[in-house]
Amino acid sequence: MINEKMSNNKFEKEKIKMTPETGFNLVGIDYFENPGNQLYIVEHFDMYQDALTAKKDRKIQDEYFILYKDQNNEFCSR
């Protein structure tokens, strides 16, 4: 099942591919890459707080997502 916020996004299929089974992936957007290949993993974290801190350290935070599965095994993006 896909989190509702995620299903309305143009990167939906890429986000699902890059969502880890456990932990949290910080993912960036490369707007110069071809559609379907624009997301890339910056780093994997075991704790959400660490991923959030890494995202906040980025110059343009809107170009990064934190991808994970919630307690119901649904794909989530923040």
PDB file of N, CA and C in Angstrom:
ATOM      1  N   MET A   1       0.832  -1.176   0.000  1.00  0.00           N
ATOM      2  CA  MET A   1       0.000   0.000   0.000  1.00  0.00           C
ATOM      3  C   MET A   1       0.884   1.249   0.000  1.00  0.00           C
ATOM      4  N   ILE A   2       0.455   2.310  -0.658  1.00  0.00           N
ATOM      5  CA  ILE A   2       1.246   3.529  -0.807  1.00  0.00           C
ATOM      6  C   ILE A   2       0.614   4.650   0.007  1.00  0.00           C
ATOM      7  N   ASN A   3       1.426   5.349   0.778  1.00  0.00           N
ATOM      8  CA  ASN A   3       0.984   6.496   1.537  1.00  0.00           C
ATOM      9  C   ASN A   3       0.361   7.499   0.572  1.00  0.00           C
ATOM     10  N   GLU A   4      -0.761   8.099   0.959  1.00  0.00           N
ATOM     11  CA  GLU A   4      -1.488   9.000   0.076  1.00  0.00           C
ATOM     12  C   GLU A   4      -0.628  10.177  -0.390  1.00  0.00           C
ATOM     13  N   LYS A   5       0.188  10.744   0.489  1.00  0.00           N
ATOM     14  CA  LYS A   5       1.037  11.868   0.110  1.00  0.00           C
ATOM     15  C   LYS A   5       2.002  11.467  -0.990  1.00  0.00           C
ATOM     16  N   MET A   6       2.454  10.242  -0.961  1.00  0.00           N
ATOM     17  CA  MET A   6       3.434   9.784  -1.925  1.00  0.00           C
ATOM     18  C   MET A   6       2.802   9.515  -3.289  1.00  0.00           C
ATOM     19  N   SER A   7       1.562   9.056  -3.324  1.00  0.00           N
ATOM     20  CA  SER A   7       0.942   8.663  -4.582  1.00  0.00           C
ATOM     21  C   SER A   7       0.645   9.863  -5.477  1.00  0.00           C
ATOM     22  N   ASN A   8       0.611  11.072  -4.926  1.00  0.00           N
ATOM     23  CA  ASN A   8       0.331  12.258  -5.720  1.00  0.00           C
ATOM     24  C   ASN A   8       1.592  12.909  -6.261  1.00  0.00           C
ATOM     25  N   ASN A   9       2.691  12.234  -6.187  1.00  0.00           N
ATOM     26  CA  ASN A   9       3.968  12.827  -6.559  1.00  0.00           C
ATOM     27  C   ASN A   9       4.477  12.227  -7.866  1.00  0.00           C
ATOM     28  N   LYS A  10       5.119  13.072  -8.687  1.00  0.00           N
ATOM     29  CA  LYS A  10       5.605  12.587  -9.979  1.00  0.00           C
ATOM     30  C   LYS A  10       6.754  11.597  -9.844  1.00  0.00           C
ATOM     31  N   PHE A  11       7.390  11.539  -8.686  1.00  0.00           N
ATOM     32  CA  PHE A  11       8.496  10.621  -8.447  1.00  0.00           C
ATOM     33  C   PHE A  11       8.045   9.320  -7.778  1.00  0.00           C
ATOM     34  N   GLU A  12       6.759   9.039  -7.771  1.00  0.00           N
ATOM     35  CA  GLU A  12       6.204   7.910  -7.020  1.00  0.00           C
ATOM     36  C   GLU A  12       6.926   6.580  -7.281  1.00  0.00           C
ATOM     37  N   LYS A  13       7.069   6.187  -8.524  1.00  0.00           N
ATOM     38  CA  LYS A  13       7.692   4.885  -8.832  1.00  0.00           C
ATOM     39  C   LYS A  13       9.149   4.850  -8.387  1.00  0.00           C
ATOM     40  N   GLU A  14       9.862   5.947  -8.596  1.00  0.00           N
ATOM     41  CA  GLU A  14      11.259   5.997  -8.168  1.00  0.00           C
ATOM     42  C   GLU A  14      11.365   5.925  -6.648  1.00  0.00           C
ATOM     43  N   LYS A  15      10.472   6.624  -5.956  1.00  0.00           N
ATOM     44  CA  LYS A  15      10.495   6.618  -4.491  1.00  0.00           C
ATOM     45  C   LYS A  15      10.274   5.211  -3.952  1.00  0.00           C
ATOM     46  N   ILE A  16       9.340   4.479  -4.544  1.00  0.00           N
ATOM     47  CA  ILE A  16       9.058   3.117  -4.090  1.00  0.00           C
ATOM     48  C   ILE A  16      10.288   2.243  -4.269  1.00  0.00           C
ATOM     49  N   LYS A  17      10.978   2.376  -5.408  1.00  0.00           N
ATOM     50  CA  LYS A  17      12.202   1.592  -5.656  1.00  0.00           C
ATOM     51  C   LYS A  17      13.289   1.906  -4.635  1.00  0.00           C
ATOM     52  N   MET A  18      13.344   3.130  -4.161  1.00  0.00           N
ATOM     53  CA  MET A  18      14.432   3.561  -3.286  1.00  0.00           C
ATOM     54  C   MET A  18      14.085   3.507  -1.800  1.00  0.00           C
ATOM     55  N   THR A  19      12.874   3.064  -1.479  1.00  0.00           N
ATOM     56  CA  THR A  19      12.474   2.971  -0.079  1.00  0.00           C
ATOM     57  C   THR A  19      13.064   1.704   0.531  1.00  0.00           C
ATOM     58  N   PRO A  20      13.810   1.843   1.638  1.00  0.00           N
ATOM     59  CA  PRO A  20      14.433   0.667   2.252  1.00  0.00           C
ATOM     60  C   PRO A  20      13.412  -0.173   3.019  1.00  0.00           C
ATOM     61  N   GLU A  21      13.712  -1.448   3.189  1.00  0.00           N
ATOM     62  CA  GLU A  21      12.848  -2.321   3.998  1.00  0.00           C
ATOM     63  C   GLU A  21      12.889  -1.895   5.464  1.00  0.00           C
ATOM     64  N   THR A  22      14.065  -1.463   5.914  1.00  0.00           N
ATOM     65  CA  THR A  22      14.212  -0.963   7.280  1.00  0.00           C
ATOM     66  C   THR A  22      15.050   0.315   7.235  1.00  0.00           C
ATOM     67  N   GLY A  23      14.882   1.160   8.192  1.00  0.00           N
ATOM     68  CA  GLY A  23      15.654   2.381   8.266  1.00  0.00           C
ATOM     69  C   GLY A  23      15.091   3.460   7.358  1.00  0.00           C
ATOM     70  N   PHE A  24      15.936   4.440   7.033  1.00  0.00           N
ATOM     71  CA  PHE A  24      15.511   5.641   6.337  1.00  0.00           C
ATOM     72  C   PHE A  24      16.560   6.031   5.298  1.00  0.00           C
ATOM     73  N   ASN A  25      16.113   6.296   4.073  1.00  0.00           N
ATOM     74  CA  ASN A  25      17.014   6.753   3.025  1.00  0.00           C
ATOM     75  C   ASN A  25      16.808   8.235   2.782  1.00  0.00           C
ATOM     76  N   LEU A  26      17.908   8.988   2.800  1.00  0.00           N
ATOM     77  CA  LEU A  26      17.869  10.371   2.362  1.00  0.00           C
ATOM     78  C   LEU A  26      18.126  10.339   0.863  1.00  0.00           C
ATOM     79  N   VAL A  27      17.184  10.870   0.095  1.00  0.00           N
ATOM     80  CA  VAL A  27      17.223  10.792  -1.362  1.00  0.00           C
ATOM     81  C   VAL A  27      17.196  12.203  -1.945  1.00  0.00           C
ATOM     82  N   GLY A  28      18.026  12.444  -2.940  1.00  0.00           N
ATOM     83  CA  GLY A  28      18.077  13.734  -3.613  1.00  0.00           C
ATOM     84  C   GLY A  28      17.489  13.659  -5.005  1.00  0.00           C
ATOM     85  N   ILE A  29      17.224  14.830  -5.588  1.00  0.00           N
ATOM     86  CA  ILE A  29      16.661  14.933  -6.936  1.00  0.00           C
ATOM     87  C   ILE A  29      17.714  15.527  -7.868  1.00  0.00           C
ATOM     88  N   ASP A  30      17.929  14.858  -8.985  1.00  0.00           N
ATOM     89  CA  ASP A  30      18.810  15.370 -10.032  1.00  0.00           C
ATOM     90  C   ASP A  30      17.922  15.766 -11.213  1.00  0.00           C
ATOM     91  N   TYR A  31      17.622  17.047 -11.317  1.00  0.00           N
ATOM     92  CA  TYR A  31      16.697  17.530 -12.356  1.00  0.00           C
ATOM     93  C   TYR A  31      17.278  17.439 -13.767  1.00  0.00           C
ATOM     94  N   PHE A  32      18.574  17.223 -13.877  1.00  0.00           N
ATOM     95  CA  PHE A  32      19.197  17.122 -15.199  1.00  0.00           C
ATOM     96  C   PHE A  32      19.167  15.695 -15.745  1.00  0.00           C
ATOM     97  N   GLU A  33      18.806  14.741 -14.907  1.00  0.00           N
ATOM     98  CA  GLU A  33      18.727  13.337 -15.314  1.00  0.00           C
ATOM     99  C   GLU A  33      17.398  13.094 -16.028  1.00  0.00           C
ATOM    100  N   ASN A  34      17.318  12.005 -16.771  1.00  0.00           N
ATOM    101  CA  ASN A  34      16.083  11.646 -17.480  1.00  0.00           C
ATOM    102  C   ASN A  34      14.990  11.259 -16.499  1.00  0.00           C
ATOM    103  N   PRO A  35      13.707  11.559 -16.837  1.00  0.00           N
ATOM    104  CA  PRO A  35      12.596  11.135 -15.983  1.00  0.00           C
ATOM    105  C   PRO A  35      12.656   9.628 -15.730  1.00  0.00           C
ATOM    106  N   GLY A  36      12.366   9.243 -14.510  1.00  0.00           N
ATOM    107  CA  GLY A  36      12.446   7.835 -14.136  1.00  0.00           C
ATOM    108  C   GLY A  36      13.800   7.474 -13.558  1.00  0.00           C
ATOM    109  N   ASN A  37      14.729   8.416 -13.633  1.00  0.00           N
ATOM    110  CA  ASN A  37      16.075   8.160 -13.130  1.00  0.00           C
ATOM    111  C   ASN A  37      16.623   9.398 -12.413  1.00  0.00           C
ATOM    112  N   GLN A  38      15.709  10.207 -11.871  1.00  0.00           N
ATOM    113  CA  GLN A  38      16.107  11.491 -11.298  1.00  0.00           C
ATOM    114  C   GLN A  38      16.448  11.426  -9.810  1.00  0.00           C
ATOM    115  N   LEU A  39      16.067  10.378  -9.125  1.00  0.00           N
ATOM    116  CA  LEU A  39      16.348  10.289  -7.696  1.00  0.00           C
ATOM    117  C   LEU A  39      17.615   9.481  -7.448  1.00  0.00           C
ATOM    118  N   TYR A  40      18.344   9.852  -6.421  1.00  0.00           N
ATOM    119  CA  TYR A  40      19.553   9.114  -6.040  1.00  0.00           C
ATOM    120  C   TYR A  40      19.659   9.084  -4.517  1.00  0.00           C
ATOM    121  N   ILE A  41      20.180   7.989  -4.000  1.00  0.00           N
ATOM    122  CA  ILE A  41      20.323   7.844  -2.552  1.00  0.00           C
ATOM    123  C   ILE A  41      21.571   8.596  -2.097  1.00  0.00           C
ATOM    124  N   VAL A  42      21.378   9.490  -1.143  1.00  0.00           N
ATOM    125  CA  VAL A  42      22.479  10.243  -0.566  1.00  0.00           C
ATOM    126  C   VAL A  42      23.119   9.422   0.543  1.00  0.00           C
ATOM    127  N   GLU A  43      22.252   8.884   1.439  1.00  0.00           N
ATOM    128  CA  GLU A  43      22.760   8.102   2.566  1.00  0.00           C
ATOM    129  C   GLU A  43      21.611   7.342   3.224  1.00  0.00           C
ATOM    130  N   HIS A  44      21.938   6.216   3.850  1.00  0.00           N
ATOM    131  CA  HIS A  44      20.970   5.416   4.597  1.00  0.00           C
ATOM    132  C   HIS A  44      21.209   5.635   6.088  1.00  0.00           C
ATOM    133  N   PHE A  45      20.132   5.734   6.843  1.00  0.00           N
ATOM    134  CA  PHE A  45      20.212   5.939   8.288  1.00  0.00           C
ATOM    135  C   PHE A  45      19.357   4.910   9.016  1.00  0.00           C
ATOM    136  N   ASP A  46      19.785   4.522  10.208  1.00  0.00           N
ATOM    137  CA  ASP A  46      19.000   3.615  11.031  1.00  0.00           C
ATOM    138  C   ASP A  46      17.926   4.366  11.821  1.00  0.00           C
ATOM    139  N   MET A  47      18.187   5.639  12.108  1.00  0.00           N
ATOM    140  CA  MET A  47      17.255   6.425  12.919  1.00  0.00           C
ATOM    141  C   MET A  47      16.721   7.615  12.125  1.00  0.00           C
ATOM    142  N   TYR A  48      15.416   7.879  12.279  1.00  0.00           N
ATOM    143  CA  TYR A  48      14.773   8.978  11.561  1.00  0.00           C
ATOM    144  C   TYR A  48      15.424  10.318  11.906  1.00  0.00           C
ATOM    145  N   GLN A  49      15.721  10.530  13.178  1.00  0.00           N
ATOM    146  CA  GLN A  49      16.295  11.807  13.603  1.00  0.00           C
ATOM    147  C   GLN A  49      17.608  12.106  12.874  1.00  0.00           C
ATOM    148  N   ASP A  50      18.415  11.082  12.654  1.00  0.00           N
ATOM    149  CA  ASP A  50      19.673  11.265  11.929  1.00  0.00           C
ATOM    150  C   ASP A  50      19.418  11.667  10.474  1.00  0.00           C
ATOM    151  N   ALA A  51      18.423  11.037   9.847  1.00  0.00           N
ATOM    152  CA  ALA A  51      18.064  11.378   8.459  1.00  0.00           C
ATOM    153  C   ALA A  51      17.523  12.800   8.385  1.00  0.00           C
ATOM    154  N   LEU A  52      16.704  13.180   9.356  1.00  0.00           N
ATOM    155  CA  LEU A  52      16.139  14.525   9.383  1.00  0.00           C
ATOM    156  C   LEU A  52      17.228  15.580   9.564  1.00  0.00           C
ATOM    157  N   THR A  53      18.170  15.308  10.437  1.00  0.00           N
ATOM    158  CA  THR A  53      19.289  16.227  10.651  1.00  0.00           C
ATOM    159  C   THR A  53      20.102  16.390   9.369  1.00  0.00           C
ATOM    160  N   ALA A  54      20.353  15.287   8.671  1.00  0.00           N
ATOM    161  CA  ALA A  54      21.105  15.347   7.415  1.00  0.00           C
ATOM    162  C   ALA A  54      20.344  16.151   6.365  1.00  0.00           C
ATOM    163  N   LYS A  55      19.027  15.995   6.314  1.00  0.00           N
ATOM    164  CA  LYS A  55      18.218  16.769   5.360  1.00  0.00           C
ATOM    165  C   LYS A  55      18.278  18.255   5.702  1.00  0.00           C
ATOM    166  N   LYS A  56      18.191  18.577   6.985  1.00  0.00           N
ATOM    167  CA  LYS A  56      18.225  19.983   7.409  1.00  0.00           C
ATOM    168  C   LYS A  56      19.567  20.637   7.124  1.00  0.00           C
ATOM    169  N   ASP A  57      20.617  19.827   7.017  1.00  0.00           N
ATOM    170  CA  ASP A  57      21.951  20.350   6.720  1.00  0.00           C
ATOM    171  C   ASP A  57      22.125  20.711   5.247  1.00  0.00           C
ATOM    172  N   ARG A  58      21.172  20.301   4.405  1.00  0.00           N
ATOM    173  CA  ARG A  58      21.266  20.557   2.964  1.00  0.00           C
ATOM    174  C   ARG A  58      20.870  21.995   2.655  1.00  0.00           C
ATOM    175  N   LYS A  59      21.507  22.571   1.665  1.00  0.00           N
ATOM    176  CA  LYS A  59      21.251  23.964   1.299  1.00  0.00           C
ATOM    177  C   LYS A  59      19.810  24.166   0.814  1.00  0.00           C
ATOM    178  N   ILE A  60      19.352  23.293  -0.073  1.00  0.00           N
ATOM    179  CA  ILE A  60      17.986  23.388  -0.608  1.00  0.00           C
ATOM    180  C   ILE A  60      17.214  22.145  -0.160  1.00  0.00           C
ATOM    181  N   GLN A  61      16.579  22.226   1.001  1.00  0.00           N
ATOM    182  CA  GLN A  61      15.925  21.065   1.609  1.00  0.00           C
ATOM    183  C   GLN A  61      14.797  20.493   0.753  1.00  0.00           C
ATOM    184  N   ASP A  62      14.152  21.327  -0.050  1.00  0.00           N
ATOM    185  CA  ASP A  62      13.033  20.853  -0.881  1.00  0.00           C
ATOM    186  C   ASP A  62      13.466  19.874  -1.963  1.00  0.00           C
ATOM    187  N   GLU A  63      14.758  19.750  -2.201  1.00  0.00           N
ATOM    188  CA  GLU A  63      15.257  18.830  -3.223  1.00  0.00           C
ATOM    189  C   GLU A  63      15.664  17.481  -2.629  1.00  0.00           C
ATOM    190  N   TYR A  64      15.227  17.213  -1.399  1.00  0.00           N
ATOM    191  CA  TYR A  64      15.558  15.960  -0.721  1.00  0.00           C
ATOM    192  C   TYR A  64      14.323  15.385  -0.055  1.00  0.00           C
ATOM    193  N   PHE A  65      14.265  14.041  -0.005  1.00  0.00           N
ATOM    194  CA  PHE A  65      13.186  13.318   0.647  1.00  0.00           C
ATOM    195  C   PHE A  65      13.793  12.340   1.648  1.00  0.00           C
ATOM    196  N   ILE A  66      13.028  12.024   2.668  1.00  0.00           N
ATOM    197  CA  ILE A  66      13.380  10.906   3.543  1.00  0.00           C
ATOM    198  C   ILE A  66      12.355   9.820   3.232  1.00  0.00           C
ATOM    199  N   LEU A  67      12.830   8.671   2.768  1.00  0.00           N
ATOM    200  CA  LEU A  67      11.953   7.561   2.392  1.00  0.00           C
ATOM    201  C   LEU A  67      12.053   6.446   3.416  1.00  0.00           C
ATOM    202  N   TYR A  68      10.902   5.854   3.769  1.00  0.00           N
ATOM    203  CA  TYR A  68      10.869   4.758   4.743  1.00  0.00           C
ATOM    204  C   TYR A  68       9.523   4.050   4.670  1.00  0.00           C
ATOM    205  N   LYS A  69       9.431   2.913   5.329  1.00  0.00           N
ATOM    206  CA  LYS A  69       8.159   2.210   5.477  1.00  0.00           C
ATOM    207  C   LYS A  69       7.694   2.394   6.910  1.00  0.00           C
ATOM    208  N   ASP A  70       6.402   2.684   7.079  1.00  0.00           N
ATOM    209  CA  ASP A  70       5.885   2.887   8.429  1.00  0.00           C
ATOM    210  C   ASP A  70       5.548   1.558   9.094  1.00  0.00           C
ATOM    211  N   GLN A  71       4.950   1.630  10.288  1.00  0.00           N
ATOM    212  CA  GLN A  71       4.651   0.420  11.049  1.00  0.00           C
ATOM    213  C   GLN A  71       3.652  -0.494  10.351  1.00  0.00           C
ATOM    214  N   ASN A  72       2.905   0.036   9.373  1.00  0.00           N
ATOM    215  CA  ASN A  72       1.955  -0.767   8.595  1.00  0.00           C
ATOM    216  C   ASN A  72       2.559  -1.220   7.269  1.00  0.00           C
ATOM    217  N   ASN A  73       3.876  -1.043   7.114  1.00  0.00           N
ATOM    218  CA  ASN A  73       4.610  -1.428   5.917  1.00  0.00           C
ATOM    219  C   ASN A  73       4.193  -0.616   4.689  1.00  0.00           C
ATOM    220  N   GLU A  74       3.693   0.608   4.916  1.00  0.00           N
ATOM    221  CA  GLU A  74       3.310   1.505   3.830  1.00  0.00           C
ATOM    222  C   GLU A  74       4.484   2.410   3.488  1.00  0.00           C
ATOM    223  N   PHE A  75       4.616   2.757   2.221  1.00  0.00           N
ATOM    224  CA  PHE A  75       5.682   3.639   1.774  1.00  0.00           C
ATOM    225  C   PHE A  75       5.380   5.067   2.224  1.00  0.00           C
ATOM    226  N   CYS A  76       6.400   5.737   2.785  1.00  0.00           N
ATOM    227  CA  CYS A  76       6.246   7.097   3.264  1.00  0.00           C
ATOM    228  C   CYS A  76       7.381   7.968   2.772  1.00  0.00           C
ATOM    229  N   SER A  77       7.073   9.254   2.623  1.00  0.00           N
ATOM    230  CA  SER A  77       8.052  10.231   2.164  1.00  0.00           C
ATOM    231  C   SER A  77       7.844  11.521   2.942  1.00  0.00           C
ATOM    232  N   ARG A  78       8.952  12.078   3.413  1.00  0.00           N
ATOM    233  CA  ARG A  78       8.870  13.375   4.131  1.00  0.00           C
ATOM    234  C   ARG A  78       9.931  14.284   3.619  1.00  0.00           C
TER     235      ARG A  78
END
